[in-house]
Protein backbone atom coordinates (compact mmCIF):
# COMPACT_ATOMS: atom_id res chain seq x y z
CA MET A 1 20.05 219.98 100.04
CA SER A 2 17.46 217.37 100.11
CA THR A 3 15.90 218.21 103.26
CA GLY A 4 15.09 221.83 104.87
CA LYS A 5 14.73 225.03 103.03
CA ILE A 6 15.63 225.06 99.31
CA LEU A 7 16.97 228.62 98.28
CA LEU A 8 16.15 229.76 94.79
CA ALA A 9 17.60 232.38 92.49
CA ILE A 10 15.57 233.35 89.55
CA VAL A 11 16.69 235.34 86.49
CA ASP A 12 14.39 236.24 83.47
CA ASP A 13 14.36 239.39 81.37
CA HIS A 14 10.56 239.59 81.91
CA GLN A 15 9.54 240.40 85.57
CA ILE A 16 6.08 238.87 84.86
CA VAL A 17 7.76 235.65 84.35
CA ILE A 18 9.42 235.85 87.78
CA ASP A 19 6.20 237.10 89.37
CA GLY A 20 4.53 234.12 87.85
CA LEU A 21 6.90 231.44 88.98
CA LYS A 22 7.01 232.93 92.62
CA SER A 23 3.13 232.64 92.45
CA LEU A 24 3.48 228.99 91.63
CA LEU A 25 5.68 228.53 94.61
CA GLU A 26 3.29 230.18 97.00
CA GLY A 27 2.23 228.03 99.80
CA HIS A 28 5.37 225.75 99.41
CA ASP A 29 7.23 226.88 102.74
CA ARG A 30 10.28 224.67 101.56
CA PHE A 31 11.15 227.15 98.92
CA THR A 32 12.52 230.49 99.52
CA VAL A 33 13.44 232.84 96.62
CA ALA A 34 16.76 234.54 97.82
CA ILE A 35 17.48 236.38 94.60
CA GLU A 36 15.57 237.56 91.73
CA THR A 37 16.41 239.82 89.06
CA THR A 38 15.76 240.62 85.25
CA ASN A 39 19.57 241.24 84.72
CA PRO A 40 21.70 238.06 84.12
CA VAL A 41 24.96 240.16 84.87
CA GLN A 42 23.42 241.30 88.38
CA MET A 43 22.61 237.54 88.97
CA LEU A 44 26.06 236.81 88.77
CA GLU A 45 27.24 239.59 91.02
CA ALA A 46 24.59 238.63 93.59
CA LEU A 47 25.50 234.95 93.65
CA HIS A 48 28.77 235.90 95.30
CA HIS A 49 26.87 237.56 98.42
CA THR A 50 23.86 235.30 98.74
CA PRO A 51 24.13 231.39 98.70
CA VAL A 52 21.37 229.45 96.77
CA ASP A 53 20.92 226.07 95.87
CA ILE A 54 19.13 226.29 92.66
CA LEU A 55 19.43 228.85 89.86
CA LEU A 56 16.36 229.09 87.56
CA THR A 57 17.59 230.91 84.35
CA ASP A 58 15.74 232.13 81.17
CA VAL A 59 17.62 230.93 78.18
CA MET A 60 17.12 234.05 75.82
CA MET A 61 18.08 237.26 77.53
CA PRO A 62 20.23 240.21 76.56
CA GLN A 63 23.58 241.20 77.58
CA MET A 64 24.06 237.39 78.67
CA ASN A 65 22.10 234.46 77.37
CA GLY A 66 21.06 231.54 79.56
CA ALA A 67 23.66 229.18 78.47
CA GLU A 68 26.56 231.86 79.08
CA LEU A 69 25.23 232.43 82.39
CA ALA A 70 25.04 228.73 83.17
CA ILE A 71 28.54 228.20 82.15
CA ALA A 72 29.93 231.00 84.36
CA VAL A 73 27.97 229.83 87.32
CA ARG A 74 28.96 226.24 86.85
CA LYS A 75 32.73 227.61 87.05
CA GLN A 76 32.29 229.99 89.86
CA PHE A 77 29.76 228.25 92.00
CA PRO A 78 29.78 224.65 91.17
CA GLN A 79 27.61 223.90 93.98
CA VAL A 80 24.55 225.65 92.48
CA ARG A 81 22.41 223.50 90.51
CA ILE A 82 20.77 225.02 87.38
CA LEU A 83 17.13 224.69 85.91
CA ALA A 84 16.94 226.42 82.48
CA LEU A 85 13.57 227.92 81.30
CA SER A 86 12.24 228.60 77.82
CA MET A 87 9.13 229.28 75.88
CA SER A 88 9.92 226.33 73.82
CA GLY A 89 12.04 223.14 73.83
CA GLN A 90 15.16 224.18 71.95
CA GLY A 91 16.86 220.56 71.82
CA ASP A 92 20.25 222.31 70.43
CA VAL A 93 20.35 224.73 73.43
CA VAL A 94 19.72 221.94 75.99
CA ASN A 95 22.47 219.79 74.72
CA LYS A 96 24.80 222.88 74.55
CA MET A 97 23.78 223.77 78.25
CA ILE A 98 24.11 219.94 79.52
CA GLU A 99 27.63 219.81 77.74
CA GLU A 100 29.14 222.99 78.73
CA ALA A 101 27.22 223.78 82.01
CA ASP A 102 25.97 220.46 83.32
CA ILE A 103 22.56 221.60 83.93
CA SER A 104 20.08 219.65 86.13
CA GLY A 105 16.94 220.31 83.98
CA TYR A 106 15.24 222.28 81.47
CA VAL A 107 11.43 223.18 81.55
CA VAL A 108 9.07 225.19 79.30
CA LYS A 109 7.44 228.41 80.83
CA ASN A 110 4.07 227.08 80.64
CA ILE A 111 5.01 224.36 83.14
CA GLY A 112 2.20 223.82 85.81
CA LYS A 113 2.68 224.22 89.98
CA LYS A 114 2.89 220.60 90.32
CA ASP A 115 5.38 219.95 87.74
CA LEU A 116 7.47 222.81 88.81
CA VAL A 117 7.60 221.80 92.60
CA TYR A 118 8.33 218.15 91.52
CA ALA A 119 11.16 219.43 89.09
CA LEU A 120 12.62 221.62 91.82
CA GLU A 121 12.41 219.07 94.55
CA LYS A 122 13.83 216.32 92.50
CA ILE A 123 16.82 218.67 91.41
CA ALA A 124 17.28 219.66 95.01
CA ALA A 125 17.82 215.80 96.02
CA GLY A 126 20.50 215.59 93.30
CA GLY A 127 18.19 214.51 90.42
CA LEU A 128 17.81 215.60 87.02
CA TYR A 129 14.46 216.82 85.53
CA PHE A 130 13.87 216.52 81.57
CA THR A 131 10.51 216.04 80.30
CA ASP A 132 10.03 213.30 77.74
CA GLU A 133 9.09 216.23 75.24
CA ILE A 134 12.41 217.87 75.86
CA ILE A 135 14.36 214.72 75.68
CA ALA A 136 12.64 214.00 72.17
CA GLU A 137 13.81 217.58 71.20
CA MET A 138 17.31 216.97 72.37
CA THR A 139 17.45 213.79 70.34
CA ARG A 140 15.97 215.56 67.17
CA ALA A 141 18.69 218.15 67.60
CA SER A 142 21.43 215.71 67.94
CA GLU A 143 20.29 214.04 64.78
CA MET A 144 20.11 217.34 62.75
CA GLN A 145 23.44 217.89 64.02
CA LYS A 146 24.89 214.96 62.62
CA GLU A 147 22.96 215.49 59.29
CA ASN A 148 24.79 219.07 59.20
CA GLU A 149 28.20 217.32 59.72
CA GLU A 150 27.51 214.75 56.82
CA VAL A 151 26.09 217.71 54.51
CA ARG A 152 29.41 219.59 55.19
CA LEU A 153 27.98 223.18 54.27
CA SER A 154 30.92 225.57 54.16
CA ALA A 155 30.76 228.71 56.27
CA ARG A 156 30.39 230.76 53.15
CA GLU A 157 27.50 228.62 51.86
CA ILE A 158 25.72 229.34 55.13
CA GLU A 159 26.38 233.17 54.62
CA VAL A 160 24.90 232.74 51.18
CA ILE A 161 21.85 231.00 52.67
CA LYS A 162 21.22 233.75 55.23
CA LEU A 163 21.12 236.19 52.61
CA ILE A 164 18.75 233.96 50.23
CA GLU A 165 16.37 233.95 53.21
CA LYS A 166 16.58 237.85 53.35
CA GLU A 167 15.52 237.50 49.67
CA TYR A 168 18.61 238.95 48.44
CA SER A 169 19.29 238.78 44.47
CA ASN A 170 22.34 237.01 43.18
CA LYS A 171 23.71 240.47 42.42
CA LEU A 172 23.22 241.81 46.13
CA ILE A 173 24.68 238.60 47.53
CA ALA A 174 27.64 239.04 45.34
CA ASP A 175 28.05 242.60 46.36
CA THR A 176 27.47 241.96 50.01
CA LEU A 177 30.10 239.15 50.07
CA PHE A 178 32.43 240.80 47.73
CA LEU A 179 31.96 237.91 45.11
CA SER A 180 31.19 237.47 41.54
CA GLU A 181 27.70 236.59 40.63
CA ARG A 182 29.11 233.46 38.86
CA THR A 183 30.76 232.35 42.23
CA VAL A 184 27.30 233.21 43.96
CA GLU A 185 25.37 230.98 41.28
CA THR A 186 27.82 228.29 41.68
CA HIS A 187 27.32 228.63 45.60
CA ARG A 188 23.51 228.20 45.12
CA LYS A 189 23.84 225.00 42.99
CA ASN A 190 26.18 223.49 45.46
CA ILE A 191 23.83 224.55 48.23
CA PHE A 192 20.81 223.16 46.61
CA ARG A 193 22.78 219.91 45.79
CA LYS A 194 23.91 219.23 49.23
CA THR A 195 20.71 219.98 51.07
CA LYS A 196 18.79 218.07 48.38
CA THR A 197 16.37 220.76 47.95
CA ASN A 198 15.11 222.24 44.71
CA SER A 199 13.63 225.30 45.54
CA VAL A 200 14.21 228.48 47.90
CA ILE A 201 11.12 227.67 50.10
CA GLY A 202 12.29 224.09 50.68
CA LEU A 203 15.84 225.40 51.26
CA ILE A 204 14.71 227.87 54.01
CA LYS A 205 12.57 225.33 55.42
CA TYR A 206 15.70 223.12 55.69
CA ALA A 207 17.65 226.01 57.08
CA TYR A 208 15.29 226.61 59.96
CA GLU A 209 14.88 223.01 60.63
CA HIS A 210 18.62 222.39 60.84
CA LYS A 211 19.32 225.61 62.93
CA LEU A 212 21.39 227.27 60.10
CA ILE A 213 19.21 230.46 60.53
CA GLU A 214 18.38 231.28 63.90
CA THR A 215 15.06 231.94 65.13
CA GLN A 216 14.50 234.10 68.29
CA HIS A 217 12.71 232.60 71.24
CA SER A 218 12.34 234.02 74.79
């Protein structure tokens, strides 16, 4: 794969992103986009009929996210190398995709032409491409995961945190989770103690930073 044509497959739920990537590759005859689609399920089907060297996949997509697609591609087409794309460097997602799908690289969508070409050529030659920024995000995510394990919040406590973030009162949390208000109050006290926070704002900030509450990125 290190010489000759490099066949690419691109999937992103926004056509404008696909068009932008193709525009960046214009003038580089070594790259050929063999498959492009906004539907990850269709991508998986197309790979059965059209061989490619590298799959460029968005991370956040409906129907099937990038991690799920990457895992499926790794199982069904182990020869295809995978480059993940995202609006931001989500370290926890990168770590998951490396562990479960053995991806070869991860880039943010504001990547420039020179860096994209370099990333693809390096991956095609059997290498890996992760920027220093992404590696730093991965390290932070690993550290936060370790902190979460040490804090040992229960599944029920995490449910309570998610409802606190929605500004639910103790009574509404109790009604939603079929608990007594006294039990909810106990959960709140334990949550603040475990996370070493002393306000709702501090708790929600902790929850976002430690990925207890998911924020949506495309």
